[in-house]
Structures are given as structure tokens and as C-alpha cells.
Amino acid sequence: MRATARDRIRDETGAGGVLALAIVAMTLVCALAALGLASALAARQRVVAAADASALAAADTLLGVVPGDPCALAAEVAAAHLVALADCEFEGAEARVTIAATWFGLPIAVESRAGPAP
């Protein structure tokens, strides 16, 4: 018995293999998306930690705990975290710093403040 063209079109042989490949491909896409998101969150947390440490260093210098220039010390702490100090401001004994970095070409900027409690 010979299969006609109509029978060959309706034949489902090999459909399971195609479905398995599609499931594997979607699993890989989802895993890569989750990995990218986790990497971005880790990069942002690194910048947040650097901003907090830089603000604390600048506030310690403002309060006289550590000698030196507050902005220079904040920039030194930021450089130790492999990020850059974008801005450094003072209002009384309160230090405000902005730290900037990039993650795969996307800018990340975080502002932090430190000083005595109001």
C-alpha cells in the first residue's frame, strides 16, 4: 500500500522530537533570562554597598573621626569597590554621595547618605 501526499501531510511521525526540542529551547531561554536578571541584581547590590561605604567614609571624615578630605576618601572607597564616585555633597554633618557604574553598557547610579541621626 502506497502513502499518498495527503497521508504524508497528516502523518505525525517525528512530532514528539520537535516538541522536545521546543521544550528544551524554551527552558534554555528562561534559564538565560533568569541568569541575566540575577546578574543585574548582583551588580546593583555591589553598587549599593559601595555607595553606603563611601557615604560612611565621607561622614566619618566630616565628623573628624578620620583625617582628610571627605570627597577624596569617598572616591578612594568607591575605587576599592571598582566603581566611580559621581557626586559628593555635604549638608552640615551629613554626607551625600552618588556612585555610578555600568553593567553591560547600562548605567547604574545609586545615592546614599550618612551622618548623625536627626
PDB file of N, CA and C in Angstrom:
ATOM      1  N   MET A   1       0.846  -1.165   0.000  1.00  0.00           N
ATOM      2  CA  MET A   1       0.000   0.000   0.000  1.00  0.00           C
ATOM      3  C   MET A   1       0.894   1.231   0.000  1.00  0.00           C
ATOM      4  N   ARG A   2       0.556   2.117  -0.862  1.00  0.00           N
ATOM      5  CA  ARG A   2       1.381   3.296  -1.071  1.00  0.00           C
ATOM      6  C   ARG A   2       0.716   4.506  -0.423  1.00  0.00           C
ATOM      7  N   ALA A   3       1.555   5.336   0.337  1.00  0.00           N
ATOM      8  CA  ALA A   3       1.005   6.514   1.011  1.00  0.00           C
ATOM      9  C   ALA A   3       0.860   7.646   0.017  1.00  0.00           C
ATOM     10  N   THR A   4      -0.267   8.281   0.058  1.00  0.00           N
ATOM     11  CA  THR A   4      -0.498   9.420  -0.816  1.00  0.00           C
ATOM     12  C   THR A   4       0.046  10.679  -0.158  1.00  0.00           C
ATOM     13  N   ALA A   5       0.077  11.748  -0.902  1.00  0.00           N
ATOM     14  CA  ALA A   5       0.580  13.027  -0.376  1.00  0.00           C
ATOM     15  C   ALA A   5      -0.259  13.501   0.797  1.00  0.00           C
ATOM     16  N   ARG A   6      -1.543  13.248   0.728  1.00  0.00           N
ATOM     17  CA  ARG A   6      -2.443  13.655   1.809  1.00  0.00           C
ATOM     18  C   ARG A   6      -2.125  12.889   3.099  1.00  0.00           C
ATOM     19  N   ASP A   7      -1.803  11.628   2.995  1.00  0.00           N
ATOM     20  CA  ASP A   7      -1.460  10.818   4.163  1.00  0.00           C
ATOM     21  C   ASP A   7      -0.134  11.269   4.772  1.00  0.00           C
ATOM     22  N   ARG A   8       0.810  11.629   3.921  1.00  0.00           N
ATOM     23  CA  ARG A   8       2.114  12.080   4.426  1.00  0.00           C
ATOM     24  C   ARG A   8       2.007  13.410   5.169  1.00  0.00           C
ATOM     25  N   ILE A   9       1.120  14.286   4.764  1.00  0.00           N
ATOM     26  CA  ILE A   9       0.945  15.575   5.446  1.00  0.00           C
ATOM     27  C   ILE A   9       0.360  15.363   6.832  1.00  0.00           C
ATOM     28  N   ARG A  10      -0.560  14.418   6.964  1.00  0.00           N
ATOM     29  CA  ARG A  10      -1.217  14.161   8.240  1.00  0.00           C
ATOM     30  C   ARG A  10      -0.408  13.238   9.159  1.00  0.00           C
ATOM     31  N   ASP A  11       0.673  12.701   8.673  1.00  0.00           N
ATOM     32  CA  ASP A  11       1.496  11.782   9.465  1.00  0.00           C
ATOM     33  C   ASP A  11       2.159  12.547  10.612  1.00  0.00           C
ATOM     34  N   GLU A  12       2.064  12.020  11.817  1.00  0.00           N
ATOM     35  CA  GLU A  12       2.613  12.684  12.994  1.00  0.00           C
ATOM     36  C   GLU A  12       3.949  12.106  13.430  1.00  0.00           C
ATOM     37  N   THR A  13       4.581  11.331  12.627  1.00  0.00           N
ATOM     38  CA  THR A  13       5.874  10.744  12.964  1.00  0.00           C
ATOM     39  C   THR A  13       6.911  11.852  13.111  1.00  0.00           C
ATOM     40  N   GLY A  14       7.609  11.847  14.232  1.00  0.00           N
ATOM     41  CA  GLY A  14       8.637  12.858  14.483  1.00  0.00           C
ATOM     42  C   GLY A  14       8.132  14.088  15.210  1.00  0.00           C
ATOM     43  N   ALA A  15       6.852  14.185  15.461  1.00  0.00           N
ATOM     44  CA  ALA A  15       6.298  15.357  16.147  1.00  0.00           C
ATOM     45  C   ALA A  15       6.788  15.438  17.586  1.00  0.00           C
ATOM     46  N   GLY A  16       6.995  14.295  18.229  1.00  0.00           N
ATOM     47  CA  GLY A  16       7.495  14.282  19.613  1.00  0.00           C
ATOM     48  C   GLY A  16       8.902  14.856  19.703  1.00  0.00           C
ATOM     49  N   GLY A  17       9.723  14.576  18.717  1.00  0.00           N
ATOM     50  CA  GLY A  17      11.085  15.122  18.702  1.00  0.00           C
ATOM     51  C   GLY A  17      11.091  16.635  18.568  1.00  0.00           C
ATOM     52  N   VAL A  18      10.229  17.141  17.709  1.00  0.00           N
ATOM     53  CA  VAL A  18      10.120  18.592  17.535  1.00  0.00           C
ATOM     54  C   VAL A  18       9.614  19.248  18.812  1.00  0.00           C
ATOM     55  N   LEU A  19       8.634  18.623  19.442  1.00  0.00           N
ATOM     56  CA  LEU A  19       8.106  19.148  20.699  1.00  0.00           C
ATOM     57  C   LEU A  19       9.183  19.139  21.790  1.00  0.00           C
ATOM     58  N   ALA A  20       9.961  18.076  21.864  1.00  0.00           N
ATOM     59  CA  ALA A  20      11.049  18.008  22.856  1.00  0.00           C
ATOM     60  C   ALA A  20      12.080  19.095  22.615  1.00  0.00           C
ATOM     61  N   LEU A  21      12.432  19.344  21.366  1.00  0.00           N
ATOM     62  CA  LEU A  21      13.385  20.419  21.053  1.00  0.00           C
ATOM     63  C   LEU A  21      12.822  21.788  21.438  1.00  0.00           C
ATOM     64  N   ALA A  22      11.543  21.999  21.217  1.00  0.00           N
ATOM     65  CA  ALA A  22      10.920  23.270  21.586  1.00  0.00           C
ATOM     66  C   ALA A  22      10.925  23.457  23.098  1.00  0.00           C
ATOM     67  N   ILE A  23      10.664  22.383  23.841  1.00  0.00           N
ATOM     68  CA  ILE A  23      10.682  22.482  25.307  1.00  0.00           C
ATOM     69  C   ILE A  23      12.078  22.772  25.819  1.00  0.00           C
ATOM     70  N   VAL A  24      13.084  22.122  25.263  1.00  0.00           N
ATOM     71  CA  VAL A  24      14.473  22.372  25.665  1.00  0.00           C
ATOM     72  C   VAL A  24      14.870  23.809  25.330  1.00  0.00           C
ATOM     73  N   ALA A  25      14.471  24.286  24.162  1.00  0.00           N
ATOM     74  CA  ALA A  25      14.811  25.655  23.771  1.00  0.00           C
ATOM     75  C   ALA A  25      14.166  26.679  24.708  1.00  0.00           C
ATOM     76  N   MET A  26      12.913  26.479  25.065  1.00  0.00           N
ATOM     77  CA  MET A  26      12.243  27.416  25.970  1.00  0.00           C
ATOM     78  C   MET A  26      12.847  27.359  27.367  1.00  0.00           C
ATOM     79  N   THR A  27      13.255  26.176  27.807  1.00  0.00           N
ATOM     80  CA  THR A  27      13.919  26.052  29.105  1.00  0.00           C
ATOM     81  C   THR A  27      15.232  26.826  29.106  1.00  0.00           C
ATOM     82  N   LEU A  28      15.990  26.728  28.037  1.00  0.00           N
ATOM     83  CA  LEU A  28      17.250  27.467  27.936  1.00  0.00           C
ATOM     84  C   LEU A  28      17.019  28.978  27.907  1.00  0.00           C
ATOM     85  N   VAL A  29      16.013  29.417  27.186  1.00  0.00           N
ATOM     86  CA  VAL A  29      15.706  30.851  27.126  1.00  0.00           C
ATOM     87  C   VAL A  29      15.323  31.372  28.509  1.00  0.00           C
ATOM     88  N   CYS A  30      14.498  30.634  29.222  1.00  0.00           N
ATOM     89  CA  CYS A  30      14.089  31.054  30.570  1.00  0.00           C
ATOM     90  C   CYS A  30      15.276  31.051  31.530  1.00  0.00           C
ATOM     91  N   ALA A  31      16.136  30.055  31.433  1.00  0.00           N
ATOM     92  CA  ALA A  31      17.308  29.990  32.304  1.00  0.00           C
ATOM     93  C   ALA A  31      18.262  31.145  32.032  1.00  0.00           C
ATOM     94  N   LEU A  32      18.477  31.480  30.779  1.00  0.00           N
ATOM     95  CA  LEU A  32      19.356  32.599  30.444  1.00  0.00           C
ATOM     96  C   LEU A  32      18.764  33.934  30.895  1.00  0.00           C
ATOM     97  N   ALA A  33      17.455  34.081  30.785  1.00  0.00           N
ATOM     98  CA  ALA A  33      16.804  35.306  31.263  1.00  0.00           C
ATOM     99  C   ALA A  33      16.938  35.432  32.774  1.00  0.00           C
ATOM    100  N   ALA A  34      16.752  34.337  33.498  1.00  0.00           N
ATOM    101  CA  ALA A  34      16.900  34.364  34.957  1.00  0.00           C
ATOM    102  C   ALA A  34      18.346  34.646  35.351  1.00  0.00           C
ATOM    103  N   LEU A  35      19.286  34.099  34.625  1.00  0.00           N
ATOM    104  CA  LEU A  35      20.702  34.347  34.904  1.00  0.00           C
ATOM    105  C   LEU A  35      21.050  35.811  34.676  1.00  0.00           C
ATOM    106  N   GLY A  36      20.534  36.398  33.608  1.00  0.00           N
ATOM    107  CA  GLY A  36      20.777  37.817  33.338  1.00  0.00           C
ATOM    108  C   GLY A  36      20.184  38.709  34.410  1.00  0.00           C
ATOM    109  N   LEU A  37      18.976  38.398  34.851  1.00  0.00           N
ATOM    110  CA  LEU A  37      18.331  39.175  35.903  1.00  0.00           C
ATOM    111  C   LEU A  37      19.096  39.063  37.217  1.00  0.00           C
ATOM    112  N   ALA A  38      19.519  37.872  37.556  1.00  0.00           N
ATOM    113  CA  ALA A  38      20.283  37.678  38.792  1.00  0.00           C
ATOM    114  C   ALA A  38      21.614  38.421  38.739  1.00  0.00           C
ATOM    115  N   SER A  39      22.239  38.427  37.583  1.00  0.00           N
ATOM    116  CA  SER A  39      23.498  39.151  37.420  1.00  0.00           C
ATOM    117  C   SER A  39      23.297  40.661  37.566  1.00  0.00           C
ATOM    118  N   ALA A  40      22.208  41.174  37.013  1.00  0.00           N
ATOM    119  CA  ALA A  40      21.912  42.605  37.138  1.00  0.00           C
ATOM    120  C   ALA A  40      21.633  42.988  38.586  1.00  0.00           C
ATOM    121  N   LEU A  41      20.893  42.154  39.303  1.00  0.00           N
ATOM    122  CA  LEU A  41      20.614  42.444  40.707  1.00  0.00           C
ATOM    123  C   LEU A  41      21.886  42.397  41.555  1.00  0.00           C
ATOM    124  N   ALA A  42      22.769  41.468  41.253  1.00  0.00           N
ATOM    125  CA  ALA A  42      24.039  41.388  41.980  1.00  0.00           C
ATOM    126  C   ALA A  42      24.897  42.616  41.710  1.00  0.00           C
ATOM    127  N   ALA A  43      24.920  43.083  40.471  1.00  0.00           N
ATOM    128  CA  ALA A  43      25.687  44.285  40.137  1.00  0.00           C
ATOM    129  C   ALA A  43      25.119  45.500  40.861  1.00  0.00           C
ATOM    130  N   ARG A  44      23.805  45.618  40.906  1.00  0.00           N
ATOM    131  CA  ARG A  44      23.192  46.750  41.601  1.00  0.00           C
ATOM    132  C   ARG A  44      23.503  46.701  43.091  1.00  0.00           C
ATOM    133  N   GLN A  45      23.455  45.533  43.698  1.00  0.00           N
ATOM    134  CA  GLN A  45      23.768  45.421  45.125  1.00  0.00           C
ATOM    135  C   GLN A  45      25.223  45.773  45.409  1.00  0.00           C
ATOM    136  N   ARG A  46      26.119  45.456  44.468  1.00  0.00           N
ATOM    137  CA  ARG A  46      27.519  45.832  44.625  1.00  0.00           C
ATOM    138  C   ARG A  46      27.662  47.355  44.620  1.00  0.00           C
ATOM    139  N   VAL A  47      26.915  48.021  43.752  1.00  0.00           N
ATOM    140  CA  VAL A  47      26.961  49.485  43.692  1.00  0.00           C
ATOM    141  C   VAL A  47      26.327  50.094  44.941  1.00  0.00           C
ATOM    142  N   VAL A  48      25.254  49.496  45.449  1.00  0.00           N
ATOM    143  CA  VAL A  48      24.625  49.981  46.677  1.00  0.00           C
ATOM    144  C   VAL A  48      25.588  49.869  47.854  1.00  0.00           C
ATOM    145  N   ALA A  49      26.291  48.750  47.959  1.00  0.00           N
ATOM    146  CA  ALA A  49      27.265  48.570  49.041  1.00  0.00           C
ATOM    147  C   ALA A  49      28.389  49.591  48.936  1.00  0.00           C
ATOM    148  N   ALA A  50      28.837  49.862  47.737  1.00  0.00           N
ATOM    149  CA  ALA A  50      29.886  50.856  47.540  1.00  0.00           C
ATOM    150  C   ALA A  50      29.411  52.256  47.915  1.00  0.00           C
ATOM    151  N   ALA A  51      28.157  52.575  47.568  1.00  0.00           N
ATOM    152  CA  ALA A  51      27.611  53.892  47.910  1.00  0.00           C
ATOM    153  C   ALA A  51      27.490  54.057  49.417  1.00  0.00           C
ATOM    154  N   ASP A  52      27.004  53.031  50.102  1.00  0.00           N
ATOM    155  CA  ASP A  52      26.878  53.110  51.562  1.00  0.00           C
ATOM    156  C   ASP A  52      28.239  53.263  52.235  1.00  0.00           C
ATOM    157  N   ALA A  53      29.210  52.475  51.788  1.00  0.00           N
ATOM    158  CA  ALA A  53      30.542  52.558  52.383  1.00  0.00           C
ATOM    159  C   ALA A  53      31.196  53.914  52.111  1.00  0.00           C
ATOM    160  N   SER A  54      31.002  54.445  50.916  1.00  0.00           N
ATOM    161  CA  SER A  54      31.570  55.752  50.584  1.00  0.00           C
ATOM    162  C   SER A  54      30.926  56.865  51.398  1.00  0.00           C
ATOM    163  N   ALA A  55      29.613  56.795  51.571  1.00  0.00           N
ATOM    164  CA  ALA A  55      28.924  57.812  52.371  1.00  0.00           C
ATOM    165  C   ALA A  55      29.372  57.750  53.825  1.00  0.00           C
ATOM    166  N   LEU A  56      29.528  56.551  54.356  1.00  0.00           N
ATOM    167  CA  LEU A  56      30.008  56.420  55.731  1.00  0.00           C
ATOM    168  C   LEU A  56      31.435  56.955  55.881  1.00  0.00           C
ATOM    169  N   ALA A  57      32.279  56.695  54.915  1.00  0.00           N
ATOM    170  CA  ALA A  57      33.654  57.203  54.970  1.00  0.00           C
ATOM    171  C   ALA A  57      33.669  58.731  54.922  1.00  0.00           C
ATOM    172  N   ALA A  58      32.850  59.302  54.056  1.00  0.00           N
ATOM    173  CA  ALA A  58      32.788  60.764  53.963  1.00  0.00           C
ATOM    174  C   ALA A  58      32.236  61.366  55.252  1.00  0.00           C
ATOM    175  N   ALA A  59      31.223  60.740  55.839  1.00  0.00           N
ATOM    176  CA  ALA A  59      30.649  61.249  57.087  1.00  0.00           C
ATOM    177  C   ALA A  59      31.648  61.132  58.240  1.00  0.00           C
ATOM    178  N   ASP A  60      32.403  60.060  58.285  1.00  0.00           N
ATOM    179  CA  ASP A  60      33.436  59.919  59.317  1.00  0.00           C
ATOM    180  C   ASP A  60      34.475  61.018  59.206  1.00  0.00           C
ATOM    181  N   THR A  61      34.830  61.382  57.997  1.00  0.00           N
ATOM    182  CA  THR A  61      35.796  62.466  57.795  1.00  0.00           C
ATOM    183  C   THR A  61      35.190  63.805  58.191  1.00  0.00           C
ATOM    184  N   LEU A  62      33.912  64.010  57.850  1.00  0.00           N
ATOM    185  CA  LEU A  62      33.242  65.260  58.232  1.00  0.00           C
ATOM    186  C   LEU A  62      33.166  65.420  59.749  1.00  0.00           C
ATOM    187  N   LEU A  63      32.931  64.326  60.447  1.00  0.00           N
ATOM    188  CA  LEU A  63      32.805  64.380  61.903  1.00  0.00           C
ATOM    189  C   LEU A  63      34.151  64.386  62.618  1.00  0.00           C
ATOM    190  N   GLY A  64      35.241  64.241  61.874  1.00  0.00           N
ATOM    191  CA  GLY A  64      36.566  64.300  62.471  1.00  0.00           C
ATOM    192  C   GLY A  64      37.078  62.967  62.984  1.00  0.00           C
ATOM    193  N   VAL A  65      36.390  61.892  62.702  1.00  0.00           N
ATOM    194  CA  VAL A  65      36.843  60.570  63.138  1.00  0.00           C
ATOM    195  C   VAL A  65      38.068  60.147  62.347  1.00  0.00           C
ATOM    196  N   VAL A  66      38.078  60.490  61.059  1.00  0.00           N
ATOM    197  CA  VAL A  66      39.181  60.159  60.161  1.00  0.00           C
ATOM    198  C   VAL A  66      39.681  61.467  59.542  1.00  0.00           C
ATOM    199  N   PRO A  67      41.005  61.693  59.526  1.00  0.00           N
ATOM    200  CA  PRO A  67      41.509  62.930  58.924  1.00  0.00           C
ATOM    201  C   PRO A  67      41.495  62.850  57.392  1.00  0.00           C
ATOM    202  N   GLY A  68      41.399  64.008  56.759  1.00  0.00           N
ATOM    203  CA  GLY A  68      41.480  64.077  55.301  1.00  0.00           C
ATOM    204  C   GLY A  68      40.284  64.761  54.674  1.00  0.00           C
ATOM    205  N   ASP A  69      40.271  64.716  53.347  1.00  0.00           N
ATOM    206  CA  ASP A  69      39.194  65.315  52.562  1.00  0.00           C
ATOM    207  C   ASP A  69      38.061  64.290  52.413  1.00  0.00           C
ATOM    208  N   PRO A  70      36.826  64.658  52.774  1.00  0.00           N
ATOM    209  CA  PRO A  70      35.716  63.694  52.706  1.00  0.00           C
ATOM    210  C   PRO A  70      35.471  63.134  51.306  1.00  0.00           C
ATOM    211  N   CYS A  71      35.497  63.988  50.304  1.00  0.00           N
ATOM    212  CA  CYS A  71      35.236  63.511  48.935  1.00  0.00           C
ATOM    213  C   CYS A  71      36.367  62.626  48.424  1.00  0.00           C
ATOM    214  N   ALA A  72      37.590  62.970  48.775  1.00  0.00           N
ATOM    215  CA  ALA A  72      38.720  62.145  48.348  1.00  0.00           C
ATOM    216  C   ALA A  72      38.643  60.759  48.981  1.00  0.00           C
ATOM    217  N   LEU A  73      38.277  60.704  50.253  1.00  0.00           N
ATOM    218  CA  LEU A  73      38.149  59.415  50.921  1.00  0.00           C
ATOM    219  C   LEU A  73      36.969  58.617  50.347  1.00  0.00           C
ATOM    220  N   ALA A  74      35.870  59.293  50.049  1.00  0.00           N
ATOM    221  CA  ALA A  74      34.717  58.614  49.439  1.00  0.00           C
ATOM    222  C   ALA A  74      35.090  58.066  48.065  1.00  0.00           C
ATOM    223  N   ALA A  75      35.849  58.826  47.295  1.00  0.00           N
ATOM    224  CA  ALA A  75      36.289  58.358  45.978  1.00  0.00           C
ATOM    225  C   ALA A  75      37.240  57.170  46.110  1.00  0.00           C
ATOM    226  N   GLU A  76      38.077  57.187  47.131  1.00  0.00           N
ATOM    227  CA  GLU A  76      39.009  56.076  47.370  1.00  0.00           C
ATOM    228  C   GLU A  76      38.246  54.795  47.734  1.00  0.00           C
ATOM    229  N   VAL A  77      37.247  54.931  48.576  1.00  0.00           N
ATOM    230  CA  VAL A  77      36.430  53.771  48.952  1.00  0.00           C
ATOM    231  C   VAL A  77      35.660  53.257  47.742  1.00  0.00           C
ATOM    232  N   ALA A  78      35.115  54.159  46.926  1.00  0.00           N
ATOM    233  CA  ALA A  78      34.389  53.742  45.723  1.00  0.00           C
ATOM    234  C   ALA A  78      35.323  53.021  44.753  1.00  0.00           C
ATOM    235  N   ALA A  79      36.537  53.521  44.596  1.00  0.00           N
ATOM    236  CA  ALA A  79      37.504  52.874  43.705  1.00  0.00           C
ATOM    237  C   ALA A  79      37.870  51.482  44.214  1.00  0.00           C
ATOM    238  N   ALA A  80      37.901  51.304  45.526  1.00  0.00           N
ATOM    239  CA  ALA A  80      38.176  49.980  46.087  1.00  0.00           C
ATOM    240  C   ALA A  80      37.065  48.994  45.750  1.00  0.00           C
ATOM    241  N   HIS A  81      35.853  49.512  45.529  1.00  0.00           N
ATOM    242  CA  HIS A  81      34.718  48.668  45.134  1.00  0.00           C
ATOM    243  C   HIS A  81      34.585  48.567  43.616  1.00  0.00           C
ATOM    244  N   LEU A  82      35.543  49.123  42.888  1.00  0.00           N
ATOM    245  CA  LEU A  82      35.577  49.101  41.423  1.00  0.00           C
ATOM    246  C   LEU A  82      34.423  49.861  40.785  1.00  0.00           C
ATOM    247  N   VAL A  83      34.021  50.960  41.405  1.00  0.00           N
ATOM    248  CA  VAL A  83      33.007  51.854  40.853  1.00  0.00           C
ATOM    249  C   VAL A  83      33.545  53.282  40.951  1.00  0.00           C
ATOM    250  N   ALA A  84      32.798  54.241  40.428  1.00  0.00           N
ATOM    251  CA  ALA A  84      33.261  55.631  40.409  1.00  0.00           C
ATOM    252  C   ALA A  84      32.345  56.525  41.242  1.00  0.00           C
ATOM    253  N   LEU A  85      32.953  57.484  41.902  1.00  0.00           N
ATOM    254  CA  LEU A  85      32.199  58.492  42.647  1.00  0.00           C
ATOM    255  C   LEU A  85      31.713  59.535  41.654  1.00  0.00           C
ATOM    256  N   ALA A  86      30.405  59.688  41.520  1.00  0.00           N
ATOM    257  CA  ALA A  86      29.831  60.631  40.563  1.00  0.00           C
ATOM    258  C   ALA A  86      29.583  61.991  41.196  1.00  0.00           C
ATOM    259  N   ASP A  87      29.173  62.020  42.481  1.00  0.00           N
ATOM    260  CA  ASP A  87      28.860  63.284  43.131  1.00  0.00           C
ATOM    261  C   ASP A  87      29.101  63.137  44.625  1.00  0.00           C
ATOM    262  N   CYS A  88      29.490  64.234  45.242  1.00  0.00           N
ATOM    263  CA  CYS A  88      29.770  64.247  46.677  1.00  0.00           C
ATOM    264  C   CYS A  88      29.317  65.603  47.218  1.00  0.00           C
ATOM    265  N   GLU A  89      28.334  65.595  48.124  1.00  0.00           N
ATOM    266  CA  GLU A  89      27.796  66.834  48.685  1.00  0.00           C
ATOM    267  C   GLU A  89      27.724  66.728  50.200  1.00  0.00           C
ATOM    268  N   PHE A  90      27.737  67.898  50.854  1.00  0.00           N
ATOM    269  CA  PHE A  90      27.644  67.941  52.310  1.00  0.00           C
ATOM    270  C   PHE A  90      26.568  68.932  52.717  1.00  0.00           C
ATOM    271  N   GLU A  91      25.855  68.564  53.750  1.00  0.00           N
ATOM    272  CA  GLU A  91      24.859  69.450  54.338  1.00  0.00           C
ATOM    273  C   GLU A  91      25.013  69.317  55.845  1.00  0.00           C
ATOM    274  N   GLY A  92      25.724  70.233  56.430  1.00  0.00           N
ATOM    275  CA  GLY A  92      26.047  70.128  57.849  1.00  0.00           C
ATOM    276  C   GLY A  92      27.011  68.979  58.058  1.00  0.00           C
ATOM    277  N   ALA A  93      26.643  68.043  58.913  1.00  0.00           N
ATOM    278  CA  ALA A  93      27.481  66.872  59.155  1.00  0.00           C
ATOM    279  C   ALA A  93      27.013  65.664  58.350  1.00  0.00           C
ATOM    280  N   GLU A  94      26.101  65.894  57.407  1.00  0.00           N
ATOM    281  CA  GLU A  94      25.567  64.807  56.592  1.00  0.00           C
ATOM    282  C   GLU A  94      26.270  64.778  55.246  1.00  0.00           C
ATOM    283  N   ALA A  95      26.699  63.601  54.852  1.00  0.00           N
ATOM    284  CA  ALA A  95      27.360  63.420  53.550  1.00  0.00           C
ATOM    285  C   ALA A  95      26.417  62.679  52.609  1.00  0.00           C
ATOM    286  N   ARG A  96      26.322  63.171  51.377  1.00  0.00           N
ATOM    287  CA  ARG A  96      25.532  62.509  50.334  1.00  0.00           C
ATOM    288  C   ARG A  96      26.472  62.212  49.173  1.00  0.00           C
ATOM    289  N   VAL A  97      26.518  60.972  48.784  1.00  0.00           N
ATOM    290  CA  VAL A  97      27.363  60.580  47.656  1.00  0.00           C
ATOM    291  C   VAL A  97      26.517  59.858  46.615  1.00  0.00           C
ATOM    292  N   THR A  98      26.920  59.992  45.370  1.00  0.00           N
ATOM    293  CA  THR A  98      26.298  59.266  44.267  1.00  0.00           C
ATOM    294  C   THR A  98      27.386  58.447  43.601  1.00  0.00           C
ATOM    295  N   ILE A  99      27.123  57.174  43.467  1.00  0.00           N
ATOM    296  CA  ILE A  99      28.070  56.247  42.870  1.00  0.00           C
ATOM    297  C   ILE A  99      27.524  55.812  41.519  1.00  0.00           C
ATOM    298  N   ALA A 100      28.400  55.749  40.519  1.00  0.00           N
ATOM    299  CA  ALA A 100      27.981  55.355  39.178  1.00  0.00           C
ATOM    300  C   ALA A 100      28.816  54.171  38.698  1.00  0.00           C
ATOM    301  N   ALA A 101      28.155  53.292  37.983  1.00  0.00           N
ATOM    302  CA  ALA A 101      28.820  52.143  37.368  1.00  0.00           C
ATOM    303  C   ALA A 101      28.013  51.745  36.140  1.00  0.00           C
ATOM    304  N   THR A 102      28.555  50.825  35.374  1.00  0.00           N
ATOM    305  CA  THR A 102      27.831  50.301  34.223  1.00  0.00           C
ATOM    306  C   THR A 102      27.799  48.777  34.303  1.00  0.00           C
ATOM    307  N   TRP A 103      26.725  48.218  33.798  1.00  0.00           N
ATOM    308  CA  TRP A 103      26.578  46.767  33.720  1.00  0.00           C
ATOM    309  C   TRP A 103      26.156  46.444  32.305  1.00  0.00           C
ATOM    310  N   PHE A 104      27.031  45.818  31.552  1.00  0.00           N
ATOM    311  CA  PHE A 104      26.811  45.505  30.143  1.00  0.00           C
ATOM    312  C   PHE A 104      26.324  46.732  29.369  1.00  0.00           C
ATOM    313  N   GLY A 105      26.942  47.867  29.647  1.00  0.00           N
ATOM    314  CA  GLY A 105      26.607  49.101  28.953  1.00  0.00           C
ATOM    315  C   GLY A 105      25.437  49.868  29.529  1.00  0.00           C
ATOM    316  N   LEU A 106      24.747  49.311  30.503  1.00  0.00           N
ATOM    317  CA  LEU A 106      23.617  50.007  31.125  1.00  0.00           C
ATOM    318  C   LEU A 106      24.092  50.734  32.377  1.00  0.00           C
ATOM    319  N   PRO A 107      23.768  52.025  32.507  1.00  0.00           N
ATOM    320  CA  PRO A 107      24.243  52.778  33.673  1.00  0.00           C
ATOM    321  C   PRO A 107      23.472  52.421  34.948  1.00  0.00           C
ATOM    322  N   ILE A 108      24.228  52.373  36.043  1.00  0.00           N
ATOM    323  CA  ILE A 108      23.651  52.160  37.367  1.00  0.00           C
ATOM    324  C   ILE A 108      24.138  53.314  38.233  1.00  0.00           C
ATOM    325  N   ALA A 109      23.234  54.052  38.839  1.00  0.00           N
ATOM    326  CA  ALA A 109      23.603  55.153  39.740  1.00  0.00           C
ATOM    327  C   ALA A 109      22.820  54.993  41.029  1.00  0.00           C
ATOM    328  N   VAL A 110      23.544  55.109  42.153  1.00  0.00           N
ATOM    329  CA  VAL A 110      22.925  54.955  43.471  1.00  0.00           C
ATOM    330  C   VAL A 110      23.375  56.105  44.356  1.00  0.00           C
ATOM    331  N   GLU A 111      22.412  56.702  45.067  1.00  0.00           N
ATOM    332  CA  GLU A 111      22.726  57.775  46.006  1.00  0.00           C
ATOM    333  C   GLU A 111      22.580  57.232  47.433  1.00  0.00           C
ATOM    334  N   SER A 112      23.514  57.641  48.276  1.00  0.00           N
ATOM    335  CA  SER A 112      23.464  57.214  49.673  1.00  0.00           C
ATOM    336  C   SER A 112      23.825  58.401  50.539  1.00  0.00           C
ATOM    337  N   ARG A 113      23.312  58.404  51.777  1.00  0.00           N
ATOM    338  CA  ARG A 113      23.618  59.477  52.714  1.00  0.00           C
ATOM    339  C   ARG A 113      24.023  58.862  54.035  1.00  0.00           C
ATOM    340  N   ALA A 114      24.876  59.591  54.761  1.00  0.00           N
ATOM    341  CA  ALA A 114      25.302  59.147  56.080  1.00  0.00           C
ATOM    342  C   ALA A 114      25.607  60.384  56.911  1.00  0.00           C
ATOM    343  N   GLY A 115      25.398  60.242  58.205  1.00  0.00           N
ATOM    344  CA  GLY A 115      25.642  61.336  59.119  1.00  0.00           C
ATOM    345  C   GLY A 115      24.973  61.040  60.456  1.00  0.00           C
ATOM    346  N   PRO A 116      25.042  61.977  61.358  1.00  0.00           N
ATOM    347  CA  PRO A 116      24.410  61.763  62.659  1.00  0.00           C
ATOM    348  C   PRO A 116      22.896  61.714  62.537  1.00  0.00           C
ATOM    349  N   ALA A 117      22.280  61.020  63.467  1.00  0.00           N
ATOM    350  CA  ALA A 117      20.818  60.920  63.463  1.00  0.00           C
ATOM    351  C   ALA A 117      20.200  62.289  63.748  1.00  0.00           C
ATOM    352  N   PRO A 118      19.069  62.587  63.086  1.00  0.00           N
ATOM    353  CA  PRO A 118      18.450  63.904  63.297  1.00  0.00           C
ATOM    354  C   PRO A 118      17.818  64.069  64.656  1.00  0.00           C
TER     355      PRO A 118
END
